C-alpha atoms as a PDB file:
ATOM      1  CA  MET A   1      -6.721  19.534  19.220  1.00  0.00           C
ATOM      2  CA  GLY A   2      -5.112  17.518  22.010  1.00  0.00           C
ATOM      3  CA  THR A   3      -8.132  15.223  22.111  1.00  0.00           C
ATOM      4  CA  GLU A   4      -7.884  14.549  18.369  1.00  0.00           C
ATOM      5  CA  GLU A   5      -4.168  13.713  18.589  1.00  0.00           C
ATOM      6  CA  GLY A   6      -4.819  11.501  21.592  1.00  0.00           C
ATOM      7  CA  SER A   7      -7.533   9.594  19.755  1.00  0.00           C
ATOM      8  CA  LYS A   8      -5.167   8.970  16.822  1.00  0.00           C
ATOM      9  CA  GLU A   9      -2.493   7.552  19.118  1.00  0.00           C
ATOM     10  CA  GLU A  10      -5.114   5.437  20.870  1.00  0.00           C
ATOM     11  CA  SER A  11      -6.309   4.139  17.491  1.00  0.00           C
ATOM     12  CA  VAL A  12      -2.789   3.022  16.549  1.00  0.00           C
ATOM     13  CA  GLU A  13      -2.291   1.235  19.865  1.00  0.00           C
ATOM     14  CA  LEU A  14      -5.713  -0.387  19.669  1.00  0.00           C
ATOM     15  CA  PHE A  15      -5.025  -1.887  16.253  1.00  0.00           C
ATOM     16  CA  CYS A  16      -1.410  -2.861  16.844  1.00  0.00           C
ATOM     17  CA  PRO A  17      -1.376  -6.566  15.866  1.00  0.00           C
ATOM     18  CA  SER A  18      -0.017  -9.344  18.064  1.00  0.00           C
ATOM     19  CA  GLU A  19       2.894 -11.585  17.040  1.00  0.00           C
ATOM     20  CA  GLU A  20       0.408 -14.368  16.338  1.00  0.00           C
ATOM     21  CA  GLU A  21      -1.648 -12.123  14.066  1.00  0.00           C
ATOM     22  CA  ILE A  22       1.464 -10.932  12.238  1.00  0.00           C
ATOM     23  CA  GLU A  23       2.590 -14.520  11.659  1.00  0.00           C
ATOM     24  CA  ARG A  24      -0.823 -15.595  10.395  1.00  0.00           C
ATOM     25  CA  TRP A  25      -1.578 -12.707   8.056  1.00  0.00           C
ATOM     26  CA  MET A  26       1.965 -12.296   6.734  1.00  0.00           C
ATOM     27  CA  ALA A  27       1.965 -15.971   5.744  1.00  0.00           C
ATOM     28  CA  ARG A  28      -0.991 -15.246   3.481  1.00  0.00           C
ATOM     29  CA  ALA A  29       0.645 -12.078   2.154  1.00  0.00           C
ATOM     30  CA  PHE A  30       3.677 -14.149   1.161  1.00  0.00           C
ATOM     31  CA  ASP A  31       1.357 -16.568  -0.643  1.00  0.00           C
ATOM     32  CA  MET A  32       0.132 -13.602  -2.695  1.00  0.00           C
ATOM     33  CA  ALA A  33       3.737 -12.572  -3.399  1.00  0.00           C
ATOM     34  CA  LYS A  34       4.551 -16.092  -4.623  1.00  0.00           C
ATOM     35  CA  GLU A  35       1.540 -15.940  -6.913  1.00  0.00           C
ATOM     36  CA  ALA A  36       2.858 -12.659  -8.314  1.00  0.00           C
ATOM     37  CA  LEU A  37       6.269 -14.217  -8.971  1.00  0.00           C
ATOM     38  CA  GLU A  38       4.688 -17.192 -10.734  1.00  0.00           C
ATOM     39  CA  ASN A  39       2.830 -14.759 -12.996  1.00  0.00           C
ATOM     40  CA  GLY A  40       5.902 -12.746 -13.971  1.00  0.00           C
ATOM     41  CA  GLU A  41       5.257  -9.859 -11.587  1.00  0.00           C
ATOM     42  CA  VAL A  42       7.448  -8.217  -8.952  1.00  0.00           C
ATOM     43  CA  PRO A  43       6.787 -10.514  -5.953  1.00  0.00           C
ATOM     44  CA  VAL A  44       4.850  -8.279  -3.590  1.00  0.00           C
ATOM     45  CA  GLY A  45       1.648  -9.382  -1.887  1.00  0.00           C
ATOM     46  CA  CYS A  46      -0.562  -7.832   0.766  1.00  0.00           C
ATOM     47  CA  LEU A  47      -3.695  -8.200   2.878  1.00  0.00           C
ATOM     48  CA  MET A  48      -5.906  -5.546   4.450  1.00  0.00           C
ATOM     49  CA  VAL A  49      -7.543  -6.849   7.616  1.00  0.00           C
ATOM     50  CA  TYR A  50     -10.568  -5.251   9.290  1.00  0.00           C
ATOM     51  CA  LYS A  51     -11.890  -6.752  12.529  1.00  0.00           C
ATOM     52  CA  ASP A  52     -10.103 -10.053  11.832  1.00  0.00           C
ATOM     53  CA  GLU A  53     -11.548 -10.229   8.306  1.00  0.00           C
ATOM     54  CA  VAL A  54      -9.657  -9.825   5.032  1.00  0.00           C
ATOM     55  CA  VAL A  55     -11.464  -7.032   3.190  1.00  0.00           C
ATOM     56  CA  GLY A  56      -8.790  -6.475   0.563  1.00  0.00           C
ATOM     57  CA  LYS A  57      -5.889  -8.444  -0.843  1.00  0.00           C
ATOM     58  CA  GLY A  58      -3.587  -7.902  -3.755  1.00  0.00           C
ATOM     59  CA  ARG A  59      -0.410  -8.710  -5.592  1.00  0.00           C
ATOM     60  CA  ASN A  60       1.480  -6.700  -8.165  1.00  0.00           C
ATOM     61  CA  GLU A  61      -0.337  -6.580 -11.517  1.00  0.00           C
ATOM     62  CA  VAL A  62       1.825  -4.021 -13.318  1.00  0.00           C
ATOM     63  CA  ASN A  63       3.049  -6.233 -16.175  1.00  0.00           C
ATOM     64  CA  GLU A  64      -0.267  -8.022 -16.537  1.00  0.00           C
ATOM     65  CA  THR A  65      -2.306  -4.822 -16.877  1.00  0.00           C
ATOM     66  CA  LYS A  66       0.380  -2.583 -18.454  1.00  0.00           C
ATOM     67  CA  ASN A  67      -0.521  -0.128 -15.686  1.00  0.00           C
ATOM     68  CA  ALA A  68       2.319   1.154 -13.494  1.00  0.00           C
ATOM     69  CA  THR A  69      -0.062   2.006 -10.629  1.00  0.00           C
ATOM     70  CA  ARG A  70      -1.302  -1.555 -10.064  1.00  0.00           C
ATOM     71  CA  HIS A  71       0.852  -2.227  -7.033  1.00  0.00           C
ATOM     72  CA  ALA A  72      -0.356  -4.810  -4.525  1.00  0.00           C
ATOM     73  CA  GLU A  73      -1.571  -2.143  -2.097  1.00  0.00           C
ATOM     74  CA  MET A  74      -3.550  -0.273  -4.762  1.00  0.00           C
ATOM     75  CA  VAL A  75      -5.211  -3.512  -5.887  1.00  0.00           C
ATOM     76  CA  ALA A  76      -6.160  -4.251  -2.273  1.00  0.00           C
ATOM     77  CA  LEU A  77      -7.448  -0.705  -1.726  1.00  0.00           C
ATOM     78  CA  ASP A  78      -9.770  -1.095  -4.717  1.00  0.00           C
ATOM     79  CA  GLN A  79     -11.211  -4.197  -3.065  1.00  0.00           C
ATOM     80  CA  VAL A  80     -11.652  -2.331   0.227  1.00  0.00           C
ATOM     81  CA  LEU A  81     -13.578   0.438  -1.562  1.00  0.00           C
ATOM     82  CA  ASP A  82     -15.787  -2.156  -3.274  1.00  0.00           C
ATOM     83  CA  TRP A  83     -16.364  -3.978   0.015  1.00  0.00           C
ATOM     84  CA  CYS A  84     -17.380  -0.752   1.773  1.00  0.00           C
ATOM     85  CA  TRP A  85     -19.679   0.118  -1.128  1.00  0.00           C
ATOM     86  CA  GLN A  86     -21.383  -3.295  -1.072  1.00  0.00           C
ATOM     87  CA  SER A  87     -21.609  -3.336   2.741  1.00  0.00           C
ATOM     88  CA  SER A  88     -22.914   0.256   2.943  1.00  0.00           C
ATOM     89  CA  LEU A  89     -20.079   1.186   5.299  1.00  0.00           C
ATOM     90  CA  ASP A  90     -18.205   4.474   5.569  1.00  0.00           C
ATOM     91  CA  VAL A  91     -14.773   4.156   3.939  1.00  0.00           C
ATOM     92  CA  LYS A  92     -13.073   6.487   6.423  1.00  0.00           C
ATOM     93  CA  SER A  93     -14.406   4.616   9.460  1.00  0.00           C
ATOM     94  CA  VAL A  94     -13.334   1.262   8.025  1.00  0.00           C
ATOM     95  CA  CYS A  95      -9.854   2.412   6.957  1.00  0.00           C
ATOM     96  CA  GLU A  96      -9.159   3.798  10.434  1.00  0.00           C
ATOM     97  CA  ARG A  97      -9.483   0.214  11.718  1.00  0.00           C
ATOM     98  CA  ILE A  98      -7.514  -1.614   9.030  1.00  0.00           C
ATOM     99  CA  ALA A  99      -4.095  -3.212   9.433  1.00  0.00           C
ATOM    100  CA  LEU A 100      -2.060  -3.708   6.256  1.00  0.00           C
ATOM    101  CA  TYR A 101       0.262  -6.704   5.937  1.00  0.00           C
ATOM    102  CA  VAL A 102       2.640  -6.479   2.966  1.00  0.00           C
ATOM    103  CA  THR A 103       5.821  -8.345   2.051  1.00  0.00           C
ATOM    104  CA  VAL A 104       7.813  -5.252   0.987  1.00  0.00           C
ATOM    105  CA  GLU A 105       7.856  -1.690   2.346  1.00  0.00           C
ATOM    106  CA  PRO A 106       5.196   0.358   0.492  1.00  0.00           C
ATOM    107  CA  CYS A 107       6.533   2.692  -2.181  1.00  0.00           C
ATOM    108  CA  ILE A 108       6.097   6.459  -1.937  1.00  0.00           C
ATOM    109  CA  MET A 109       2.878   6.391  -3.982  1.00  0.00           C
ATOM    110  CA  CYS A 110       1.296   3.628  -1.888  1.00  0.00           C
ATOM    111  CA  ALA A 111       2.467   5.139   1.409  1.00  0.00           C
ATOM    112  CA  ALA A 112       0.787   8.416   0.422  1.00  0.00           C
ATOM    113  CA  ALA A 113      -2.450   6.578  -0.376  1.00  0.00           C
ATOM    114  CA  LEU A 114      -2.346   4.756   2.973  1.00  0.00           C
ATOM    115  CA  ARG A 115      -1.728   8.009   4.804  1.00  0.00           C
ATOM    116  CA  LEU A 116      -4.552   9.874   3.068  1.00  0.00           C
ATOM    117  CA  LEU A 117      -6.949   7.030   3.892  1.00  0.00           C
ATOM    118  CA  ASN A 118      -5.842   7.041   7.565  1.00  0.00           C
ATOM    119  CA  ILE A 119      -4.647   3.424   7.673  1.00  0.00           C
ATOM    120  CA  PRO A 120      -3.152   3.237  11.218  1.00  0.00           C
ATOM    121  CA  VAL A 121      -0.768   0.254  11.051  1.00  0.00           C
ATOM    122  CA  VAL A 122       1.437  -1.264   8.331  1.00  0.00           C
ATOM    123  CA  VAL A 123       3.376  -4.494   8.841  1.00  0.00           C
ATOM    124  CA  TYR A 124       5.976  -5.212   6.158  1.00  0.00           C
ATOM    125  CA  GLY A 125       8.819  -7.613   5.471  1.00  0.00           C
ATOM    126  CA  CYS A 126      11.884  -6.102   3.795  1.00  0.00           C
ATOM    127  CA  ARG A 127      12.851  -2.493   3.103  1.00  0.00           C
ATOM    128  CA  ASN A 128      12.307  -0.932  -0.311  1.00  0.00           C
ATOM    129  CA  GLU A 129      15.653   0.753  -0.946  1.00  0.00           C
ATOM    130  CA  ARG A 130      14.629   2.182  -4.331  1.00  0.00           C
ATOM    131  CA  PHE A 131      11.150   3.555  -3.764  1.00  0.00           C
ATOM    132  CA  GLY A 132      10.317   3.104  -0.068  1.00  0.00           C
ATOM    133  CA  GLY A 133       7.872   5.581   1.421  1.00  0.00           C
ATOM    134  CA  CYS A 134       8.255   4.471   5.048  1.00  0.00           C
ATOM    135  CA  GLY A 135      11.758   5.782   5.656  1.00  0.00           C
ATOM    136  CA  SER A 136      14.001   4.085   3.103  1.00  0.00           C
ATOM    137  CA  VAL A 137      13.704   6.912   0.539  1.00  0.00           C
ATOM    138  CA  LEU A 138      11.081   9.333   1.910  1.00  0.00           C
ATOM    139  CA  ASP A 139       9.412   9.202   5.302  1.00  0.00           C
ATOM    140  CA  VAL A 140       5.820   9.609   4.184  1.00  0.00           C
ATOM    141  CA  SER A 141       4.536   7.369   6.981  1.00  0.00           C
ATOM    142  CA  SER A 142       5.606   9.452   9.989  1.00  0.00           C
ATOM    143  CA  ALA A 143       6.520  12.914   8.676  1.00  0.00           C
ATOM    144  CA  ASP A 144       4.744  15.826  10.372  1.00  0.00           C
ATOM    145  CA  LEU A 145       2.744  17.102   7.398  1.00  0.00           C
ATOM    146  CA  PRO A 146      -0.459  19.163   7.727  1.00  0.00           C
ATOM    147  CA  HIS A 147      -3.620  18.307   5.789  1.00  0.00           C
ATOM    148  CA  THR A 148      -2.203  15.072   4.354  1.00  0.00           C
ATOM    149  CA  GLY A 149      -4.004  12.385   6.316  1.00  0.00           C
ATOM    150  CA  THR A 150      -2.569  10.818   9.455  1.00  0.00           C
ATOM    151  CA  GLN A 151       0.756   9.247  10.313  1.00  0.00           C
ATOM    152  CA  PHE A 152       0.808   5.470  10.514  1.00  0.00           C
ATOM    153  CA  LYS A 153       2.856   3.023  12.549  1.00  0.00           C
ATOM    154  CA  CYS A 154       5.225   0.638  10.741  1.00  0.00           C
ATOM    155  CA  ILE A 155       6.290  -2.789  11.997  1.00  0.00           C
ATOM    156  CA  SER A 156       9.097  -4.059   9.784  1.00  0.00           C
ATOM    157  CA  GLY A 157      11.374  -7.048   9.388  1.00  0.00           C
ATOM    158  CA  HIS A 158       9.005 -10.036   9.434  1.00  0.00           C
ATOM    159  CA  ARG A 159      10.483 -12.683   7.084  1.00  0.00           C
ATOM    160  CA  ALA A 160      12.584  -9.924   5.522  1.00  0.00           C
ATOM    161  CA  GLU A 161      15.245 -12.256   4.113  1.00  0.00           C
ATOM    162  CA  GLU A 162      12.594 -14.351   2.394  1.00  0.00           C
ATOM    163  CA  ALA A 163      11.078 -11.228   0.836  1.00  0.00           C
ATOM    164  CA  VAL A 164      14.506 -10.134  -0.422  1.00  0.00           C
ATOM    165  CA  ASP A 165      15.213 -13.593  -1.859  1.00  0.00           C
ATOM    166  CA  MET A 166      11.952 -13.498  -3.801  1.00  0.00           C
ATOM    167  CA  LEU A 167      12.843 -10.094  -5.233  1.00  0.00           C
ATOM    168  CA  LYS A 168      16.281 -11.379  -6.248  1.00  0.00           C
ATOM    169  CA  THR A 169      14.664 -14.350  -7.968  1.00  0.00           C
ATOM    170  CA  PHE A 170      12.440 -12.036  -9.984  1.00  0.00           C
ATOM    171  CA  TYR A 171      15.222  -9.678 -11.045  1.00  0.00           C
ATOM    172  CA  LYS A 172      17.421 -12.585 -12.121  1.00  0.00           C
ATOM    173  CA  GLN A 173      14.708 -13.450 -14.603  1.00  0.00           C
ATOM    174  CA  GLN A 174      13.866 -11.302 -17.590  1.00  0.00           C
ATOM    175  CA  ASN A 175      11.096  -8.825 -16.855  1.00  0.00           C
ATOM    176  CA  PRO A 176       8.380  -9.847 -19.367  1.00  0.00           C
ATOM    177  CA  ASN A 177       7.387  -6.240 -19.774  1.00  0.00           C
ATOM    178  CA  GLY A 178      10.878  -4.793 -20.089  1.00  0.00           C
ATOM    179  CA  GLU A 179      11.257  -4.915 -23.883  1.00  0.00           C
ATOM    180  CA  LYS A 180       7.629  -4.222 -24.672  1.00  0.00           C
ATOM    181  CA  GLN A 181       7.012  -1.070 -22.710  1.00  0.00           C
ATOM    182  CA  ASN A 182       9.234   1.406 -24.595  1.00  0.00           C
ATOM    183  CA  HIS A 183       7.881   4.051 -22.247  1.00  0.00           C
ATOM    184  CA  SER A 184       4.433   3.838 -23.869  1.00  0.00           C
ATOM    185  CA  ALA A 185       1.418   5.347 -22.136  1.00  0.00           C
ATOM    186  CA  CYS A 186      -0.600   3.135 -19.798  1.00  0.00           C
ATOM    187  CA  LEU A 187      -3.982   2.010 -21.075  1.00  0.00           C
ATOM    188  CA  PHE A 188      -6.974   2.333 -18.757  1.00  0.00           C
ATOM    189  CA  PHE A 189     -10.184   0.428 -19.352  1.00  0.00           C
ATOM    190  CA  PHE A 190     -13.394   1.615 -17.737  1.00  0.00           C
ATOM    191  CA  SER A 191     -16.030  -1.102 -17.531  1.00  0.00           C
ATOM    192  CA  SER A 192     -18.439   0.695 -15.223  1.00  0.00           C
ATOM    193  CA  SER A 193     -19.236   4.042 -13.662  1.00  0.00           C
ATOM    194  CA  ARG A 194     -17.671   2.831 -10.410  1.00  0.00           C
ATOM    195  CA  SER A 195     -14.371   2.260 -12.240  1.00  0.00           C
ATOM    196  CA  ILE A 196     -14.469   5.853 -13.430  1.00  0.00           C
ATOM    197  CA  ILE A 197     -15.136   7.042  -9.879  1.00  0.00           C
ATOM    198  CA  LYS A 198     -12.179   5.029  -8.581  1.00  0.00           C
ATOM    199  CA  MET A 199      -9.856   6.364 -11.286  1.00  0.00           C
ATOM    200  CA  PHE A 200     -11.001   9.913 -10.493  1.00  0.00           C
ATOM    201  CA  TYR A 201     -10.269   9.230  -6.823  1.00  0.00           C
ATOM    202  CA  ILE A 202      -6.748   8.018  -7.714  1.00  0.00           C
ATOM    203  CA  PHE A 203      -6.209  11.137  -9.838  1.00  0.00           C
ATOM    204  CA  ILE A 204      -7.166  13.363  -6.888  1.00  0.00           C
ATOM    205  CA  LEU A 205      -4.879  11.279  -4.676  1.00  0.00           C
ATOM    206  CA  TYR A 206      -1.923  11.861  -6.998  1.00  0.00           C
ATOM    207  CA  CYS A 207      -2.627  15.597  -7.151  1.00  0.00           C
ATOM    208  CA  CYS A 208      -2.684  15.813  -3.351  1.00  0.00           C
ATOM    209  CA  PHE A 209       0.487  13.759  -3.155  1.00  0.00           C
ATOM    210  CA  PHE A 210       2.638  15.538  -5.719  1.00  0.00           C
ATOM    211  CA  TYR A 211       1.528  19.062  -4.856  1.00  0.00           C
ATOM    212  CA  THR A 212       1.380  18.712  -1.070  1.00  0.00           C
ATOM    213  CA  ILE A 213       3.316  15.791   0.387  1.00  0.00           C
ATOM    214  CA  ILE A 214       6.488  15.816  -1.751  1.00  0.00           C
ATOM    215  CA  PRO A 215       7.121  19.605  -1.471  1.00  0.00           C
ATOM    216  CA  SER A 216       6.516  19.441   2.297  1.00  0.00           C
ATOM    217  CA  LEU A 217       8.937  16.542   2.670  1.00  0.00           C
ATOM    218  CA  LEU A 218      11.623  18.191   0.563  1.00  0.00           C
ATOM    219  CA  PHE A 219      11.414  21.494   2.442  1.00  0.00           C
ATOM    220  CA  SER A 220      11.396  19.734   5.820  1.00  0.00           C
ATOM    221  CA  GLN A 221      14.667  18.005   4.922  1.00  0.00           C
ATOM    222  CA  CYS A 222      16.406  21.231   3.866  1.00  0.00           C
END
């Protein structure tokens, strides 16, 4: 037990990025966020870096796809799964050595996904006061929860003001999806068997999250 906990702490320290790495990768994450803004999406962008290689990147695609789960991190995670599949690599082993760079604190849903996949380090810009899963709303990242993946280290504040300014710019504009949604159900399109597998994986993820993580967090705060 002690050995397992020690190895987790060692993993976090081993993959703790340097200031130079943070500067370099966050610059590219902000480029993704700007692309999201230009396409009428909430300006959030991210990169997932494995052994100094980008294996997943994403920006918000919620309005574009009419799918509320297509946050930047979820888009990037899909790419990581595809990359592991094509490279014949074990997803768990790869994820344990990935650093995530994202412009805004991951929401509760994305933080739960990162935790369940054992991502060790998350670098983000500004806090997410509405939906943050790394301490702003719920502390999914570091809460002591059994059987829910591993805790991950957060490094916050890099270019935070710029991230906030981009969010303000978006919310000053009219959300292109605001009048069209009318709370309608999301449409999912399955183009291949792998898409079905990924959607099944997300479904399992949500079940684990809502029936395990949220109740544990709520009871721990009582």
